[in-house]
Amino acid sequence: MARTAVDFGAAREQVTLEQLGQYGPILGLVGLYVAFTVLNDRFLTVGNQVNVLQQVSIIGIMAIGVTFPILCAEIDLSIAQVMEISGLTIATLAVGARLFEGFAIPVVAAIVVGLSLGGTFGAVSGFVTARFGVPSFMTTLAMLFLADGLGLIVSGNRPIIGLPPSLTALGGSRVFGFPSIVVVFLTLLVVSQLLLSYTKFGLYIYAIGGDRQAAERMGINVPVVRLGTLVISGVFAGIAGLVTLGRLGSAIPTMGSGLLLPPIAAVILGGANLFGGSGNMVGTLVGVLILGVLQNGLNLMGVGPSGQLVAQGIVLMLAVLANVVGQD
């Protein structure tokens, strides 16, 4: 009888820990909304909520992209610099400046080249990782330095101004009064979740992240899928660079500064397994919103950047603990 009570208590504790890992991010986001709504009457206004979405869209797009390799038990540390080089390449080609002085091409062609460049960085990282077994941590770190240096070469380490309206419209215009950058973010989120949920490629990502050796025995082409996730991450980083041009109205060589860790942190905050195989785009959205709501709410309360960093660090630590405990 005593043993039965002990077993029941252990089972109840396990269920509680699993629920903590599964529902913790949503409960955390709801808690932030309740707290900031009580503390500041301007927080829950429609205008401020649209502002939150607009502020997190660039990080959100990058977070969507990096979710793919994380689910596959990989990582991409080059996203911020790939975002820079893609945006700078698009801008310089569109206006015919700096490295491409006098060689302007149509905006659509410039966008295709820039996004292809982002995918190429991911493809190189993915090939070296999948073919030679080099950890993606190291390959993408190498791409980080390569993309950073090439960005300075392409831009001449100077801002690119005078961008055509057709180029800045995607990230700087409004659709029925709603910021276009938010529309891009949410559209990519939905498409990515559909890809994960209803395609073999999405199923393979989860299988490889859960158990790579078992996936190989099932006949899954593991190297191709691993490469594919890093290509997707690179393309999404390129899209983030494209919409940043509209957000800023120009291309700045340092526009990716400080944008490496927040997208990765958002994925972890959303409950994705640190070691692959578990997570989804809804969780990534929740993680992105946690970061955005936390920053926005603290701003309204007059908390400075140093205090915001402390708060973000505490929240991330709690999320990592809940993530790991929930998987045990």
Protein backbone atom coordinates (compact mmCIF):
# COMPACT_ATOMS: atom_id res chain seq x y z
CA MET A 1 0.00 0.00 0.00
CA ALA A 2 2.84 2.36 0.92
CA ARG A 3 4.63 1.49 -2.30
CA THR A 4 1.50 2.27 -4.30
CA ALA A 5 1.29 5.70 -2.66
CA VAL A 6 4.96 6.35 -3.47
CA ASP A 7 4.48 5.29 -7.09
CA PHE A 8 1.43 7.52 -7.40
CA GLY A 9 3.34 10.47 -5.94
CA ALA A 10 6.24 9.90 -8.36
CA ALA A 11 3.85 9.67 -11.30
CA ARG A 12 2.07 12.85 -10.24
CA GLU A 13 5.42 14.66 -9.96
CA GLN A 14 6.42 13.44 -13.42
CA VAL A 15 3.17 14.65 -14.94
CA THR A 16 3.67 18.01 -13.25
CA LEU A 17 7.20 18.36 -14.64
CA GLU A 18 6.09 17.37 -18.13
CA GLN A 19 3.27 19.89 -17.99
CA LEU A 20 5.72 22.52 -16.78
CA GLY A 21 7.91 21.97 -19.82
CA GLN A 22 4.92 21.94 -22.16
CA TYR A 23 2.78 24.77 -20.85
CA GLY A 24 5.36 26.87 -19.01
CA PRO A 25 6.05 29.26 -21.94
CA ILE A 26 2.36 30.02 -22.47
CA LEU A 27 1.78 30.51 -18.74
CA GLY A 28 4.83 32.77 -18.62
CA LEU A 29 3.53 34.90 -21.51
CA VAL A 30 0.08 35.17 -19.92
CA GLY A 31 1.72 36.13 -16.62
CA LEU A 32 3.69 38.92 -18.30
CA TYR A 33 0.54 40.26 -19.94
CA VAL A 34 -1.34 40.26 -16.65
CA ALA A 35 1.50 41.90 -14.75
CA PHE A 36 2.16 44.69 -17.26
CA THR A 37 -1.56 45.32 -17.78
CA VAL A 38 -1.92 45.92 -14.05
CA LEU A 39 1.24 48.01 -13.79
CA ASN A 40 0.68 50.26 -16.83
CA ASP A 41 -2.62 51.24 -18.45
CA ARG A 42 -0.94 51.93 -21.80
CA PHE A 43 0.36 48.38 -22.23
CA LEU A 44 -2.76 46.58 -23.46
CA THR A 45 -3.83 49.18 -26.02
CA VAL A 46 -4.19 48.09 -29.64
CA GLY A 47 -1.53 50.52 -30.79
CA ASN A 48 1.01 49.22 -28.30
CA GLN A 49 0.33 45.58 -29.16
CA VAL A 50 0.85 46.29 -32.86
CA ASN A 51 4.05 48.07 -31.86
CA VAL A 52 5.19 44.94 -29.98
CA LEU A 53 4.59 42.78 -33.06
CA GLN A 54 6.44 45.26 -35.24
CA GLN A 55 9.40 45.35 -32.87
CA VAL A 56 9.77 41.56 -32.70
CA SER A 57 9.20 40.79 -36.38
CA ILE A 58 12.85 40.80 -37.45
CA ILE A 59 13.92 38.63 -34.53
CA GLY A 60 10.83 36.52 -35.16
CA ILE A 61 11.72 35.82 -38.79
CA MET A 62 15.23 34.80 -37.78
CA ALA A 63 13.83 32.67 -34.94
CA ILE A 64 11.54 30.82 -37.36
CA GLY A 65 14.51 30.00 -39.55
CA VAL A 66 16.77 28.82 -36.73
CA THR A 67 13.97 26.65 -35.31
CA PHE A 68 14.54 24.17 -38.16
CA PRO A 69 18.16 23.28 -37.29
CA ILE A 70 17.42 23.32 -33.55
CA LEU A 71 14.65 20.75 -34.05
CA CYS A 72 17.18 18.69 -36.00
CA ALA A 73 19.69 18.89 -33.09
CA GLU A 74 21.83 21.45 -34.93
CA ILE A 75 22.54 25.14 -34.36
CA ASP A 76 23.18 28.16 -36.59
CA LEU A 77 25.40 30.85 -35.10
CA SER A 78 25.77 32.79 -38.36
CA ILE A 79 22.20 34.12 -38.67
CA ALA A 80 22.96 37.73 -37.65
CA GLN A 81 25.90 38.12 -40.02
CA VAL A 82 24.11 36.30 -42.86
CA MET A 83 21.24 38.72 -42.32
CA GLU A 84 23.71 41.59 -42.71
CA ILE A 85 25.48 40.35 -45.83
CA SER A 86 22.17 39.46 -47.51
CA GLY A 87 20.63 42.87 -46.80
CA LEU A 88 23.78 44.73 -47.80
CA THR A 89 24.09 42.75 -51.04
CA ILE A 90 20.46 43.40 -51.96
CA ALA A 91 20.85 47.13 -51.26
CA THR A 92 24.15 47.61 -53.11
CA LEU A 93 22.91 45.69 -56.16
CA ALA A 94 19.60 47.57 -56.23
CA VAL A 95 21.25 51.02 -56.21
CA GLY A 96 24.54 50.12 -57.92
CA ALA A 97 26.76 51.30 -55.08
CA ARG A 98 30.04 50.41 -53.35
CA LEU A 99 31.34 47.04 -54.59
CA PHE A 100 28.77 47.06 -57.39
CA GLU A 101 29.28 50.71 -58.35
CA GLY A 102 27.50 51.42 -61.65
CA PHE A 103 26.12 47.89 -61.79
CA ALA A 104 22.53 48.35 -60.61
CA ILE A 105 20.11 45.55 -61.36
CA PRO A 106 16.29 45.30 -60.98
CA VAL A 107 15.05 45.10 -57.42
CA VAL A 108 13.53 41.64 -57.87
CA ALA A 109 16.82 40.29 -59.21
CA ALA A 110 18.72 41.90 -56.32
CA ILE A 111 16.37 40.23 -53.84
CA VAL A 112 16.84 36.83 -55.50
CA VAL A 113 20.62 37.21 -55.36
CA GLY A 114 20.55 38.30 -51.71
CA LEU A 115 18.31 35.45 -50.55
CA SER A 116 20.32 32.96 -52.61
CA LEU A 117 23.45 34.21 -50.91
CA GLY A 118 21.86 33.57 -47.51
CA GLY A 119 20.95 30.06 -48.59
CA THR A 120 24.47 29.50 -49.89
CA PHE A 121 25.99 30.27 -46.50
CA GLY A 122 23.62 27.74 -44.97
CA ALA A 123 24.42 25.21 -47.69
CA VAL A 124 28.17 25.47 -47.08
CA SER A 125 27.70 25.05 -43.33
CA GLY A 126 25.30 22.17 -43.87
CA PHE A 127 27.55 20.38 -46.36
CA VAL A 128 30.60 20.50 -44.12
CA THR A 129 28.51 19.43 -41.13
CA ALA A 130 26.68 16.60 -42.87
CA ARG A 131 29.52 15.34 -45.07
CA PHE A 132 32.49 15.57 -42.72
CA GLY A 133 30.82 15.37 -39.32
CA VAL A 134 32.01 18.80 -38.17
CA PRO A 135 29.61 20.12 -35.49
CA SER A 136 27.31 22.81 -36.84
CA PHE A 137 28.41 24.96 -33.91
CA MET A 138 31.86 25.23 -35.53
CA THR A 139 30.82 25.43 -39.19
CA THR A 140 28.30 28.19 -38.60
CA LEU A 141 30.78 30.01 -36.37
CA ALA A 142 33.18 30.03 -39.31
CA MET A 143 30.40 31.35 -41.56
CA LEU A 144 29.77 34.07 -38.99
CA PHE A 145 33.25 35.50 -39.50
CA LEU A 146 33.16 34.98 -43.26
CA ALA A 147 29.81 36.73 -43.68
CA ASP A 148 30.88 39.57 -41.38
CA GLY A 149 34.01 40.25 -43.42
CA LEU A 150 32.24 39.99 -46.76
CA GLY A 151 29.58 42.41 -45.53
CA LEU A 152 32.23 45.03 -44.86
CA ILE A 153 33.72 44.44 -48.32
CA VAL A 154 30.37 44.68 -50.12
CA SER A 155 29.33 47.88 -48.30
CA GLY A 156 32.75 49.49 -48.07
CA ASN A 157 31.94 49.73 -44.33
CA ARG A 158 29.54 52.59 -45.08
CA PRO A 159 25.74 52.86 -45.05
CA ILE A 160 23.83 52.38 -48.30
CA ILE A 161 21.18 55.08 -48.72
CA GLY A 162 18.74 56.10 -51.44
CA LEU A 163 17.04 52.72 -51.61
CA PRO A 164 14.14 52.51 -54.10
CA PRO A 165 10.62 52.48 -52.57
CA SER A 166 9.92 49.09 -54.15
CA LEU A 167 12.73 47.64 -52.04
CA THR A 168 11.76 49.21 -48.73
CA ALA A 169 8.03 48.52 -49.14
CA LEU A 170 8.19 44.95 -47.84
CA GLY A 171 9.44 46.02 -44.44
CA GLY A 172 8.38 49.64 -44.22
CA SER A 173 4.88 49.93 -45.65
CA ARG A 174 1.41 49.09 -44.34
CA VAL A 175 -1.21 46.65 -45.57
CA PHE A 176 -4.73 47.84 -44.70
CA GLY A 177 -3.18 49.94 -41.95
CA PHE A 178 -1.16 47.00 -40.58
CA PRO A 179 2.67 46.99 -40.75
CA SER A 180 3.79 44.87 -43.71
CA ILE A 181 6.74 43.51 -41.73
CA VAL A 182 4.30 41.89 -39.29
CA VAL A 183 2.36 40.37 -42.19
CA VAL A 184 5.59 38.86 -43.54
CA PHE A 185 6.50 37.49 -40.11
CA LEU A 186 3.13 35.86 -39.45
CA THR A 187 2.86 34.47 -42.99
CA LEU A 188 6.27 32.82 -42.72
CA LEU A 189 5.28 31.45 -39.32
CA VAL A 190 2.15 29.77 -40.69
CA VAL A 191 3.92 28.38 -43.77
CA SER A 192 6.75 27.00 -41.64
CA GLN A 193 4.37 25.29 -39.22
CA LEU A 194 2.53 23.70 -42.15
CA LEU A 195 5.88 22.49 -43.49
CA LEU A 196 6.74 20.89 -40.17
CA SER A 197 3.31 19.36 -39.62
CA TYR A 198 2.24 18.13 -43.05
CA THR A 199 5.35 17.22 -45.06
CA LYS A 200 7.79 14.31 -44.95
CA PHE A 201 10.61 16.79 -44.59
CA GLY A 202 9.10 18.06 -41.34
CA LEU A 203 8.61 14.52 -40.08
CA TYR A 204 12.22 13.69 -40.94
CA ILE A 205 13.45 16.73 -38.99
CA TYR A 206 11.72 15.52 -35.84
CA ALA A 207 12.93 11.95 -36.39
CA ILE A 208 16.55 13.01 -36.80
CA GLY A 209 16.40 15.37 -33.84
CA GLY A 210 14.90 12.64 -31.69
CA ASP A 211 17.31 9.85 -32.64
CA ARG A 212 19.70 10.26 -35.57
CA GLN A 213 20.80 6.62 -35.67
CA ALA A 214 17.23 5.37 -35.64
CA ALA A 215 16.40 7.81 -38.46
CA GLU A 216 19.26 6.39 -40.52
CA ARG A 217 17.99 2.85 -39.97
CA MET A 218 14.56 3.99 -41.16
CA GLY A 219 16.12 4.95 -44.49
CA ILE A 220 15.96 8.74 -44.01
CA ASN A 221 18.65 10.65 -45.91
CA VAL A 222 20.01 12.28 -42.78
CA PRO A 223 22.81 14.38 -44.40
CA VAL A 224 20.37 15.97 -46.88
CA VAL A 225 17.84 16.86 -44.18
CA ARG A 226 20.52 18.32 -41.89
CA LEU A 227 21.86 20.38 -44.80
CA GLY A 228 18.34 21.47 -45.69
CA THR A 229 17.60 22.84 -42.23
CA LEU A 230 20.69 25.06 -42.35
CA VAL A 231 19.82 26.26 -45.86
CA ILE A 232 16.36 27.25 -44.59
CA SER A 233 17.93 29.08 -41.67
CA GLY A 234 20.20 31.01 -44.07
CA VAL A 235 17.32 31.95 -46.37
CA PHE A 236 15.22 33.19 -43.46
CA ALA A 237 18.16 35.25 -42.24
CA GLY A 238 18.29 36.75 -45.73
CA ILE A 239 14.57 37.56 -45.55
CA ALA A 240 15.18 39.26 -42.22
CA GLY A 241 17.89 41.35 -43.88
CA LEU A 242 15.47 42.28 -46.66
CA VAL A 243 12.70 43.51 -44.34
CA THR A 244 15.28 45.32 -42.21
CA LEU A 245 16.02 47.53 -45.22
CA GLY A 246 12.43 48.76 -45.12
CA ARG A 247 12.45 49.08 -41.34
CA LEU A 248 15.58 51.27 -41.37
CA GLY A 249 15.19 52.88 -44.78
CA SER A 250 18.84 52.10 -45.52
CA ALA A 251 21.43 49.32 -45.28
CA ILE A 252 23.87 49.62 -42.38
CA PRO A 253 26.97 47.39 -42.07
CA THR A 254 26.19 46.78 -38.38
CA MET A 255 22.44 46.17 -38.70
CA GLY A 256 22.81 42.60 -37.44
CA SER A 257 24.61 43.66 -34.27
CA GLY A 258 23.04 42.09 -31.18
CA LEU A 259 20.69 39.88 -33.20
CA LEU A 260 22.46 36.53 -32.87
CA LEU A 261 21.27 35.38 -29.46
CA PRO A 262 17.68 36.74 -29.22
CA PRO A 263 16.29 34.48 -32.01
CA ILE A 264 17.94 31.40 -30.49
CA ALA A 265 16.78 32.44 -27.03
CA ALA A 266 13.23 32.85 -28.35
CA VAL A 267 13.19 29.27 -29.66
CA ILE A 268 14.34 27.95 -26.27
CA LEU A 269 11.89 30.21 -24.43
CA GLY A 270 9.16 28.70 -26.59
CA GLY A 271 9.87 25.24 -25.20
CA ALA A 272 11.89 23.65 -28.01
CA ASN A 273 14.12 20.83 -26.80
CA LEU A 274 17.72 21.98 -26.49
CA PHE A 275 18.82 18.62 -27.93
CA GLY A 276 16.38 18.41 -30.84
CA GLY A 277 13.26 16.44 -31.67
CA SER A 278 10.69 18.58 -29.85
CA GLY A 279 9.20 22.01 -30.50
CA ASN A 280 7.11 23.88 -33.04
CA MET A 281 6.50 27.29 -34.56
CA VAL A 282 3.73 28.15 -32.11
CA GLY A 283 6.25 27.77 -29.32
CA THR A 284 8.71 29.95 -31.25
CA LEU A 285 6.02 32.63 -31.56
CA VAL A 286 5.41 32.46 -27.82
CA GLY A 287 9.13 32.79 -27.14
CA VAL A 288 9.44 35.78 -29.46
CA LEU A 289 6.47 37.45 -27.78
CA ILE A 290 7.92 36.83 -24.32
CA LEU A 291 11.05 38.74 -25.31
CA GLY A 292 9.06 41.51 -26.99
CA VAL A 293 6.47 41.91 -24.24
CA LEU A 294 9.15 41.91 -21.55
CA GLN A 295 11.14 44.64 -23.29
CA ASN A 296 8.08 46.70 -24.15
CA GLY A 297 6.56 46.46 -20.68
CA LEU A 298 9.80 47.39 -18.94
CA ASN A 299 10.22 50.32 -21.33
CA LEU A 300 6.78 51.61 -20.38
CA MET A 301 7.75 51.30 -16.73
CA GLY A 302 10.91 53.34 -17.30
CA VAL A 303 13.37 50.47 -16.75
CA GLY A 304 16.66 51.10 -18.53
CA PRO A 305 18.59 48.75 -20.88
CA SER A 306 20.68 47.30 -18.05
CA GLY A 307 17.59 46.33 -16.07
CA GLN A 308 16.01 44.83 -19.18
CA LEU A 309 19.06 42.66 -19.79
CA VAL A 310 18.94 41.41 -16.20
CA ALA A 311 15.25 40.56 -16.56
CA GLN A 312 15.83 38.77 -19.86
CA GLY A 313 18.65 36.75 -18.33
CA ILE A 314 16.48 35.65 -15.42
CA VAL A 315 13.58 34.70 -17.69
CA LEU A 316 15.88 32.74 -20.03
CA MET A 317 17.46 30.86 -17.12
CA LEU A 318 14.03 29.87 -15.81
CA ALA A 319 13.00 28.78 -19.30
CA VAL A 320 16.12 26.62 -19.74
CA LEU A 321 15.53 24.99 -16.34
CA ALA A 322 11.90 24.27 -17.21
CA ASN A 323 12.99 22.97 -20.62
CA VAL A 324 15.55 20.52 -19.22
CA VAL A 325 13.42 19.41 -16.26
CA GLY A 326 10.41 18.88 -18.50
CA GLN A 327 12.44 16.54 -20.75
CA ASP A 328 13.74 14.37 -17.88
